[in-house]
Amino acid sequence: MKQITACIDGSHGAEAVCHASAWLSARLQMPLALMHVLEKPESPDTNMSGSIGLGSREHLLQQLTELDEQRSKLALQHGSLMLEAAKELVEGRGAVDVSTVQRHGRLPDAVLEVQEATSVLVMGRQGEDHNDPEVASVGTNFETVLRSVSCPVLVTPGTFPEPRSFMIAYDGSEAAERIMDVYPKSPLLKGLQCHLIMVNADSPQRVKLHSAGDRLREAGFRVHEEHLEGTDVRTTLMRYQAQHKIDLIVMGAYGHSRMRSFFLGSHTRDMVTHTPIPLLLLR
């Protein structure tokens, strides 16, 4: 059975990851796995040159080794406590069949190991290495994970209020059409107000927009369609989001139209970095 996988760490945004993953688990009635990855800490710079004697140097190396072992034990204990607290939090918010796991190594590698069993991956926009919600940045591992995985990714900023509405950034591409085939059948977004948005589209694409809207309505969604014009796609979308107080943005991570450049490379980073609300990236 598929699961929701949530990446937990000691960052400011970890609580939002818990709230988001609990929401997903409860709505989809799907098991939730909370994962904490212990990456090997960098060794401190140690200058052993100069007049230090051989015996003293060997003693110092022994002390450094013991210190590294203590750090590893403390990190393991800290991670276990974080996972216990996270499990209590998500169970209190309705998550089902919650499990916890600690892994050693790199976060991107750990995520790839579980992606086949993962229905949706939940990650905070910033990890412990970029732990300031006031600064527009993403974590060091985040972009590597985003480029590597094939499962949907729910990206959370500093908070995650339960969504009441969502916006689909639709471009009429084959990837977007696949999304329209799958997600209207999913219970994840049912009952939420849907805003179906297309930016700078020509006439044939607008026909696709209306067709996509009809398919969503047939599936039971309340849909408002909108075609927008703007020189910058992100700015145009975010202006609309703010005006209509939309809680969640849904978009394909890869496209094949003029919006392709928006969804790839630096533009994906730009959107994730500056979007003040959760972002569900679909494949």
Protein backbone atom coordinates (compact mmCIF):
# COMPACT_ATOMS: atom_id res chain seq x y z
CA MET A 1 0.00 0.00 0.00
CA LYS A 2 1.21 3.49 -0.81
CA GLN A 3 2.08 5.94 1.96
CA ILE A 4 2.57 9.62 2.64
CA THR A 5 6.25 10.30 3.40
CA ALA A 6 7.13 13.39 5.42
CA CYS A 7 10.71 14.61 5.92
CA ILE A 8 11.17 15.82 9.49
CA ASP A 9 14.10 17.81 10.88
CA GLY A 10 14.80 20.46 13.51
CA SER A 11 13.96 23.42 11.28
CA HIS A 12 11.39 26.15 11.84
CA GLY A 13 9.13 24.62 9.19
CA ALA A 14 8.97 21.09 10.62
CA GLU A 15 5.62 21.74 12.30
CA ALA A 16 4.12 22.83 8.97
CA VAL A 17 5.36 19.57 7.43
CA CYS A 18 3.58 17.67 10.22
CA HIS A 19 0.34 19.59 9.68
CA ALA A 20 0.47 19.09 5.91
CA SER A 21 1.27 15.38 6.06
CA ALA A 22 -1.45 14.77 8.66
CA TRP A 23 -3.94 16.55 6.38
CA LEU A 24 -2.91 14.37 3.44
CA SER A 25 -3.06 11.16 5.47
CA ALA A 26 -6.50 11.97 6.88
CA ARG A 27 -8.01 13.01 3.54
CA LEU A 28 -6.57 10.08 1.61
CA GLN A 29 -6.87 7.59 4.51
CA MET A 30 -3.31 6.58 3.76
CA PRO A 31 -0.49 5.55 6.14
CA LEU A 32 1.97 8.27 7.09
CA ALA A 33 5.70 7.64 7.44
CA LEU A 34 7.74 10.29 9.27
CA MET A 35 11.37 10.15 8.19
CA HIS A 36 14.38 11.82 9.77
CA VAL A 37 17.74 11.57 8.03
CA LEU A 38 20.97 11.86 9.99
CA GLU A 39 23.60 13.28 7.70
CA LYS A 40 27.23 12.89 8.70
CA PRO A 41 28.37 16.19 10.24
CA GLU A 42 31.34 17.95 8.79
CA SER A 43 34.50 17.48 10.83
CA PRO A 44 35.80 20.68 12.39
CA ASP A 45 38.92 22.19 10.90
CA THR A 46 41.85 21.17 13.05
CA ASN A 47 45.34 22.59 12.59
CA MET A 48 47.88 19.99 13.71
CA SER A 49 50.93 21.71 12.29
CA GLY A 50 53.63 23.39 14.30
CA SER A 51 55.55 22.14 17.27
CA ILE A 52 52.93 19.71 18.61
CA GLY A 53 54.55 16.41 19.49
CA LEU A 54 53.58 13.01 18.09
CA GLY A 55 52.22 11.72 21.38
CA SER A 56 50.13 14.83 21.94
CA ARG A 57 48.79 14.62 18.40
CA GLU A 58 47.68 11.00 18.87
CA HIS A 59 45.95 11.96 22.12
CA LEU A 60 44.16 14.83 20.39
CA LEU A 61 42.98 12.54 17.57
CA GLN A 62 41.58 10.13 20.14
CA GLN A 63 39.68 12.96 21.83
CA LEU A 64 38.28 14.14 18.50
CA THR A 65 37.11 10.61 17.70
CA GLU A 66 35.36 10.34 21.07
CA LEU A 67 33.77 13.75 20.51
CA ASP A 68 32.43 12.65 17.10
CA GLU A 69 30.94 9.54 18.70
CA GLN A 70 29.23 11.69 21.34
CA ARG A 71 27.85 13.99 18.66
CA SER A 72 26.46 11.01 16.74
CA LYS A 73 24.75 9.62 19.83
CA LEU A 74 23.24 12.99 20.70
CA ALA A 75 22.05 13.50 17.13
CA LEU A 76 20.42 10.06 17.19
CA GLN A 77 18.68 10.82 20.48
CA HIS A 78 17.60 14.25 19.26
CA GLY A 79 16.17 12.73 16.08
CA SER A 80 14.26 10.09 18.04
CA LEU A 81 12.72 12.75 20.27
CA MET A 82 11.74 14.83 17.22
CA LEU A 83 10.06 11.84 15.61
CA GLU A 84 8.18 10.98 18.81
CA ALA A 85 6.89 14.56 19.10
CA ALA A 86 5.99 14.64 15.39
CA LYS A 87 4.10 11.34 15.67
CA GLU A 88 2.08 12.64 18.60
CA LEU A 89 1.28 15.83 16.69
CA VAL A 90 0.12 14.15 13.46
CA GLU A 91 -1.94 11.53 15.27
CA GLY A 92 -3.70 14.33 17.10
CA ARG A 93 -4.57 15.88 13.72
CA GLY A 94 -6.11 12.73 12.29
CA ALA A 95 -3.23 10.96 10.55
CA VAL A 96 -3.66 7.20 10.20
CA ASP A 97 -1.23 4.32 10.72
CA VAL A 98 1.75 6.55 11.60
CA SER A 99 5.26 5.10 11.54
CA THR A 100 8.68 6.64 12.13
CA VAL A 101 12.07 5.87 10.66
CA GLN A 102 15.59 7.23 11.05
CA ARG A 103 18.10 6.87 8.25
CA HIS A 104 21.78 7.69 7.95
CA GLY A 105 23.23 9.34 4.89
CA ARG A 106 22.08 11.99 2.45
CA LEU A 107 18.46 13.13 2.35
CA PRO A 108 18.15 12.83 -1.48
CA ASP A 109 19.36 9.23 -1.34
CA ALA A 110 16.99 8.36 1.51
CA VAL A 111 14.02 9.85 -0.37
CA LEU A 112 14.84 7.96 -3.55
CA GLU A 113 14.87 4.70 -1.58
CA VAL A 114 11.25 5.17 -0.50
CA GLN A 115 9.76 6.99 -3.49
CA GLU A 116 8.26 3.82 -5.04
CA ALA A 117 6.16 3.36 -1.90
CA THR A 118 5.33 7.07 -1.65
CA SER A 119 2.10 8.58 -2.94
CA VAL A 120 3.01 12.14 -1.89
CA LEU A 121 6.28 13.42 -0.46
CA VAL A 122 6.02 16.32 2.02
CA MET A 123 9.00 18.63 2.53
CA GLY A 124 9.58 22.00 4.12
CA ARG A 125 10.89 24.75 1.89
CA GLN A 126 13.80 25.26 4.26
CA GLY A 127 15.77 22.72 6.22
CA GLU A 128 18.04 23.17 9.20
CA ASP A 129 20.72 24.69 6.96
CA HIS A 130 18.38 27.58 5.98
CA ASN A 131 16.33 28.01 9.12
CA ASP A 132 15.06 31.59 8.81
CA PRO A 133 11.43 31.94 7.61
CA GLU A 134 11.96 35.65 6.91
CA VAL A 135 14.62 34.90 4.29
CA ALA A 136 13.56 33.83 0.78
CA SER A 137 15.62 30.70 0.27
CA VAL A 138 15.36 26.93 -0.06
CA GLY A 139 17.32 24.23 1.70
CA THR A 140 20.50 22.79 0.24
CA ASN A 141 18.95 19.34 -0.37
CA PHE A 142 15.56 20.55 -1.50
CA GLU A 143 16.27 21.23 -5.17
CA THR A 144 18.23 17.98 -5.51
CA VAL A 145 15.25 16.02 -4.21
CA LEU A 146 12.80 17.92 -6.39
CA ARG A 147 14.79 17.15 -9.54
CA SER A 148 15.22 13.48 -8.61
CA VAL A 149 11.86 12.14 -7.49
CA SER A 150 8.97 11.10 -9.72
CA CYS A 151 6.22 11.26 -7.09
CA PRO A 152 4.17 14.39 -6.27
CA VAL A 153 5.78 16.75 -3.75
CA LEU A 154 3.89 19.00 -1.33
CA VAL A 155 6.14 21.93 -0.42
CA THR A 156 5.32 23.81 2.77
CA PRO A 157 6.48 27.30 3.78
CA GLY A 158 6.55 28.28 7.47
CA THR A 159 2.88 27.42 8.14
CA PHE A 160 0.19 25.11 6.80
CA PRO A 161 -3.42 26.14 7.44
CA GLU A 162 -5.90 23.53 6.20
CA PRO A 163 -6.73 24.49 2.59
CA ARG A 164 -10.24 25.65 1.68
CA SER A 165 -9.39 26.50 -1.92
CA PHE A 166 -6.73 25.67 -4.47
CA MET A 167 -5.44 27.05 -7.74
CA ILE A 168 -4.34 24.89 -10.68
CA ALA A 169 -1.69 26.53 -12.87
CA TYR A 170 -2.79 24.93 -16.14
CA ASP A 171 -0.88 25.17 -19.44
CA GLY A 172 -2.67 22.68 -21.69
CA SER A 173 0.39 20.45 -22.06
CA GLU A 174 0.41 16.65 -22.14
CA ALA A 175 1.65 16.64 -18.54
CA ALA A 176 -1.23 18.93 -17.52
CA GLU A 177 -3.72 16.67 -19.30
CA ARG A 178 -2.39 13.64 -17.41
CA ILE A 179 -2.95 15.55 -14.19
CA MET A 180 -6.52 16.30 -15.26
CA ASP A 181 -7.07 12.58 -15.88
CA VAL A 182 -5.88 11.53 -12.43
CA TYR A 183 -6.58 14.19 -9.82
CA PRO A 184 -10.34 14.73 -10.41
CA LYS A 185 -10.74 11.10 -9.31
CA SER A 186 -8.71 11.60 -6.13
CA PRO A 187 -10.40 12.52 -2.82
CA LEU A 188 -7.50 14.82 -1.94
CA LEU A 189 -8.96 18.06 -3.32
CA LYS A 190 -12.68 17.20 -3.30
CA GLY A 191 -14.87 19.80 -1.62
CA LEU A 192 -12.37 22.63 -2.08
CA GLN A 193 -13.04 25.62 -4.32
CA CYS A 194 -10.98 25.26 -7.51
CA HIS A 195 -9.49 28.14 -9.50
CA LEU A 196 -8.29 26.94 -12.91
CA ILE A 197 -5.79 29.49 -14.22
CA MET A 198 -4.00 29.85 -17.55
CA VAL A 199 -1.46 32.60 -18.29
CA ASN A 200 -0.79 34.20 -21.70
CA ALA A 201 -2.64 31.53 -23.67
CA ASP A 202 -3.62 31.60 -27.36
CA SER A 203 -7.10 30.67 -28.60
CA PRO A 204 -6.55 26.88 -28.96
CA GLN A 205 -5.16 26.72 -25.43
CA ARG A 206 -8.18 28.62 -24.09
CA VAL A 207 -10.40 25.93 -25.60
CA LYS A 208 -8.41 23.38 -23.58
CA LEU A 209 -8.91 25.53 -20.48
CA HIS A 210 -12.70 25.40 -20.86
CA SER A 211 -12.58 21.66 -21.56
CA ALA A 212 -10.48 21.07 -18.43
CA GLY A 213 -12.94 23.13 -16.40
CA ASP A 214 -15.85 21.03 -17.67
CA ARG A 215 -14.05 17.82 -16.71
CA LEU A 216 -13.50 19.10 -13.20
CA ARG A 217 -17.16 20.10 -12.88
CA GLU A 218 -18.26 16.66 -14.07
CA ALA A 219 -16.10 15.22 -11.28
CA GLY A 220 -17.97 17.36 -8.73
CA PHE A 221 -15.64 20.34 -8.31
CA ARG A 222 -16.73 23.96 -7.99
CA VAL A 223 -14.56 25.59 -10.66
CA HIS A 224 -13.78 29.17 -11.58
CA GLU A 225 -11.82 29.51 -14.83
CA GLU A 226 -9.59 32.49 -15.50
CA HIS A 227 -7.24 33.49 -18.29
CA LEU A 228 -4.59 35.99 -17.18
CA GLU A 229 -2.16 38.20 -19.04
CA GLY A 230 1.18 39.20 -17.56
CA THR A 231 4.82 39.68 -18.42
CA ASP A 232 5.96 37.50 -15.52
CA VAL A 233 4.12 34.22 -14.89
CA ARG A 234 4.96 33.92 -11.19
CA THR A 235 4.01 37.49 -10.39
CA THR A 236 0.77 37.14 -12.34
CA LEU A 237 -0.19 33.94 -10.53
CA MET A 238 0.71 35.26 -7.10
CA ARG A 239 -1.25 38.46 -7.64
CA TYR A 240 -4.32 36.38 -8.41
CA GLN A 241 -3.64 34.12 -5.42
CA ALA A 242 -3.47 37.09 -3.04
CA GLN A 243 -6.61 38.71 -4.47
CA HIS A 244 -8.67 35.55 -4.02
CA LYS A 245 -7.03 34.33 -0.78
CA ILE A 246 -6.19 30.93 -2.26
CA ASP A 247 -4.66 28.43 0.18
CA LEU A 248 -2.86 25.93 -2.09
CA ILE A 249 -1.27 26.01 -5.54
CA VAL A 250 -1.30 22.87 -7.70
CA MET A 251 0.89 22.72 -10.79
CA GLY A 252 2.86 20.34 -12.94
CA ALA A 253 6.57 20.35 -12.33
CA TYR A 254 7.27 19.89 -16.02
CA GLY A 255 5.47 21.30 -19.05
CA HIS A 256 5.90 21.50 -22.79
CA SER A 257 4.60 24.95 -23.68
CA ARG A 258 5.78 28.50 -23.16
CA MET A 259 5.35 27.82 -19.44
CA ARG A 260 8.00 25.07 -19.69
CA SER A 261 10.78 27.52 -18.84
CA PHE A 262 8.72 28.65 -15.85
CA PHE A 263 8.51 25.14 -14.43
CA LEU A 264 12.13 24.16 -15.01
CA GLY A 265 15.47 25.16 -13.57
CA SER A 266 15.76 28.50 -11.87
CA HIS A 267 12.06 29.26 -12.40
CA THR A 268 10.99 26.31 -10.27
CA ARG A 269 13.35 27.51 -7.56
CA ASP A 270 11.96 31.03 -7.92
CA MET A 271 8.36 29.87 -7.50
CA VAL A 272 9.10 27.63 -4.53
CA THR A 273 11.28 30.27 -2.89
CA HIS A 274 8.78 33.12 -3.06
CA THR A 275 5.37 31.44 -2.86
CA PRO A 276 3.88 32.22 0.58
CA ILE A 277 1.44 29.28 0.50
CA PRO A 278 1.88 25.51 0.10
CA LEU A 279 2.69 24.24 -3.37
CA LEU A 280 1.72 20.79 -4.67
CA LEU A 281 4.06 19.82 -7.53
CA LEU A 282 2.74 17.02 -9.72
CA ARG A 283 4.53 14.81 -12.23
